[in-house]
């Protein structure tokens, strides 16, 4: 769901871009930067909720970003929130520059989808940080097996009549 929200925000930004030839270079620069930032955002989200030993996810071409900004991001404990702010700032600057030409009420949908994605990420983190207690999981397994056996028994006796 998180990926879907961010994908829809990304695709909306791409669709809202100005199509005039005189703004072509600015639009291409915006689109390439947005692709890289969304890649960074999704990779940071995966690394936050992943339980793998290695959280080294590949990003799309980080060469164009400022080294100080990338170092700041690397040393931060809130990589997703920082990257999300960078994405939002990029969209606002593109809108102000006329690269993204859309009415503000429609542009708020992009920000809403970005926000929904980060909320879903935090919900996934809660599930990851607070696992189900072992006794509760054992009781659930026992009840499922009991239900399975009783269903078979009740069905066999009911069909026999």
Protein backbone atom coordinates (compact mmCIF):
# COMPACT_ATOMS: atom_id res chain seq x y z
CA UNK A 1 0.00 0.00 0.00
CA UNK A 2 2.86 2.34 0.83
CA UNK A 3 4.43 1.76 -2.55
CA UNK A 4 1.07 2.33 -4.22
CA UNK A 5 0.55 5.68 -2.52
CA UNK A 6 4.02 6.88 -3.46
CA UNK A 7 3.65 5.54 -6.99
CA UNK A 8 0.40 7.45 -7.48
CA UNK A 9 1.98 10.64 -6.13
CA UNK A 10 4.94 10.14 -8.47
CA UNK A 11 2.80 9.41 -11.52
CA UNK A 12 0.58 12.41 -10.78
CA UNK A 13 3.64 14.68 -10.65
CA UNK A 14 4.76 13.28 -13.99
CA UNK A 15 1.33 13.83 -15.50
CA UNK A 16 1.09 17.40 -14.18
CA UNK A 17 4.36 18.49 -15.83
CA UNK A 18 4.31 21.34 -18.34
CA UNK A 19 4.37 20.11 -21.93
CA UNK A 20 5.53 23.32 -23.59
CA UNK A 21 8.80 23.08 -25.56
CA UNK A 22 10.35 26.15 -23.92
CA UNK A 23 10.17 24.49 -20.48
CA UNK A 24 11.42 21.09 -21.66
CA UNK A 25 14.85 21.18 -19.96
CA UNK A 26 13.38 22.18 -16.59
CA UNK A 27 10.73 19.47 -16.83
CA UNK A 28 13.33 16.79 -17.62
CA UNK A 29 15.51 17.95 -14.71
CA UNK A 30 12.49 17.86 -12.36
CA UNK A 31 11.43 14.41 -13.55
CA UNK A 32 14.92 12.93 -13.18
CA UNK A 33 15.35 14.40 -9.70
CA UNK A 34 11.91 13.16 -8.67
CA UNK A 35 12.69 9.63 -9.88
CA UNK A 36 15.91 9.61 -7.85
CA UNK A 37 14.22 10.97 -4.73
CA UNK A 38 11.34 8.49 -4.90
CA UNK A 39 13.88 5.70 -5.34
CA UNK A 40 15.74 6.98 -2.29
CA UNK A 41 12.49 7.29 -0.33
CA UNK A 42 11.37 3.75 -1.08
CA UNK A 43 14.83 2.31 -0.41
CA UNK A 44 15.00 4.13 2.93
CA UNK A 45 11.55 2.81 3.82
CA UNK A 46 12.55 -0.74 3.00
CA UNK A 47 15.72 -0.45 5.04
CA UNK A 48 13.73 0.81 8.04
CA UNK A 49 11.29 -2.10 8.10
CA UNK A 50 13.58 -4.82 6.76
CA UNK A 51 14.87 -7.53 9.06
CA UNK A 52 17.59 -8.62 6.67
CA UNK A 53 21.22 -8.57 7.78
CA UNK A 54 22.19 -6.28 4.94
CA UNK A 55 20.00 -3.26 4.38
CA UNK A 56 21.98 -2.08 1.38
CA UNK A 57 19.34 -1.33 -1.25
CA UNK A 58 20.22 0.07 -4.64
CA UNK A 59 19.14 3.58 -5.54
CA UNK A 60 18.83 5.23 -8.92
CA UNK A 61 21.88 7.42 -9.64
CA UNK A 62 22.71 9.52 -6.59
CA UNK A 63 25.61 11.26 -8.33
CA UNK A 64 23.72 14.52 -8.94
CA UNK A 65 22.95 15.08 -5.26
CA UNK A 66 25.04 17.28 -3.01
CA UNK A 67 27.62 15.25 -1.04
CA UNK A 68 26.84 17.16 2.18
CA UNK A 69 23.13 16.38 1.84
CA UNK A 70 23.80 12.69 1.26
CA UNK A 71 26.17 12.61 4.24
CA UNK A 72 23.53 14.31 6.39
CA UNK A 73 20.97 11.76 5.24
CA UNK A 74 23.33 8.85 5.90
CA UNK A 75 23.96 9.98 9.48
CA UNK A 76 20.30 10.67 10.21
CA UNK A 77 17.97 8.26 11.99
CA UNK A 78 14.93 9.62 10.09
CA UNK A 79 15.93 8.97 6.50
CA UNK A 80 12.37 8.57 5.21
CA UNK A 81 11.09 11.76 6.75
CA UNK A 82 14.03 13.77 5.43
CA UNK A 83 13.69 12.31 1.94
CA UNK A 84 9.95 12.94 2.02
CA UNK A 85 10.63 16.59 2.86
CA UNK A 86 13.04 16.78 -0.07
CA UNK A 87 10.36 15.37 -2.39
CA UNK A 88 7.74 17.80 -1.13
CA UNK A 89 10.13 20.74 -1.45
CA UNK A 90 11.01 19.69 -5.01
CA UNK A 91 7.33 19.58 -5.97
CA UNK A 92 6.65 23.00 -4.41
CA UNK A 93 9.64 24.56 -6.19
CA UNK A 94 8.59 22.96 -9.48
CA UNK A 95 5.06 24.30 -9.07
CA UNK A 96 6.34 27.80 -8.32
CA UNK A 97 8.66 27.66 -11.35
CA UNK A 98 5.83 26.58 -13.65
CA UNK A 99 7.30 23.14 -14.28
CA UNK A 100 4.30 21.47 -12.66
CA UNK A 101 1.22 23.22 -14.05
CA UNK A 102 -1.86 22.18 -12.15
CA UNK A 103 -4.39 23.85 -9.89
CA UNK A 104 -3.36 23.83 -6.21
CA UNK A 105 -6.37 21.75 -5.06
CA UNK A 106 -5.31 18.98 -7.42
CA UNK A 107 -1.67 19.28 -6.36
CA UNK A 108 -2.66 18.73 -2.73
CA UNK A 109 -3.61 15.19 -3.74
CA UNK A 110 0.09 14.52 -4.36
CA UNK A 111 0.98 15.69 -0.86
CA UNK A 112 -1.89 13.67 0.57
CA UNK A 113 -0.62 10.51 -1.13
CA UNK A 114 2.94 11.13 0.05
CA UNK A 115 1.63 11.60 3.60
CA UNK A 116 -0.51 8.45 3.38
CA UNK A 117 2.58 6.52 2.31
CA UNK A 118 4.58 7.64 5.34
CA UNK A 119 1.66 6.80 7.66
CA UNK A 120 1.52 3.30 6.17
CA UNK A 121 5.28 3.00 6.68
CA UNK A 122 4.89 3.90 10.35
CA UNK A 123 2.10 1.32 10.69
CA UNK A 124 4.40 -1.32 9.20
CA UNK A 125 7.14 -0.26 11.62
CA UNK A 126 4.76 -0.74 14.55
CA UNK A 127 4.06 -4.30 13.43
CA UNK A 128 7.77 -4.87 13.07
CA UNK A 129 8.73 -3.28 16.42
CA UNK A 130 6.04 -4.93 18.54
CA UNK A 131 5.80 -8.61 17.58
CA UNK A 132 2.96 -10.82 18.72
CA UNK A 133 3.73 -12.46 22.11
CA UNK A 134 4.71 -16.11 21.84
CA UNK A 135 1.94 -17.47 24.14
CA UNK A 136 -0.68 -15.61 22.12
CA UNK A 137 0.60 -17.06 18.86
CA UNK A 138 0.59 -20.56 20.40
CA UNK A 139 -3.02 -20.15 21.55
CA UNK A 140 -4.05 -18.95 18.10
CA UNK A 141 -2.37 -21.94 16.44
CA UNK A 142 -4.05 -24.31 18.93
CA UNK A 143 -7.47 -22.74 18.31
CA UNK A 144 -7.03 -22.96 14.53
CA UNK A 145 -6.10 -26.65 14.70
CA UNK A 146 -9.03 -27.32 17.05
CA UNK A 147 -11.39 -25.48 14.69
CA UNK A 148 -10.02 -27.45 11.76
CA UNK A 149 -10.59 -30.78 13.51
CA UNK A 150 -14.03 -29.85 14.84
CA UNK A 151 -15.15 -28.58 11.44
CA UNK A 152 -14.17 -31.88 9.83
CA UNK A 153 -15.94 -33.85 12.58
CA UNK A 154 -19.14 -31.76 12.51
CA UNK A 155 -19.26 -31.84 8.72
CA UNK A 156 -18.79 -35.63 8.65
CA UNK A 157 -21.59 -36.20 11.18
CA UNK A 158 -23.94 -33.70 9.51
CA UNK A 159 -23.48 -35.19 6.06
CA UNK A 160 -24.01 -38.70 7.41
CA UNK A 161 -27.62 -37.87 8.38
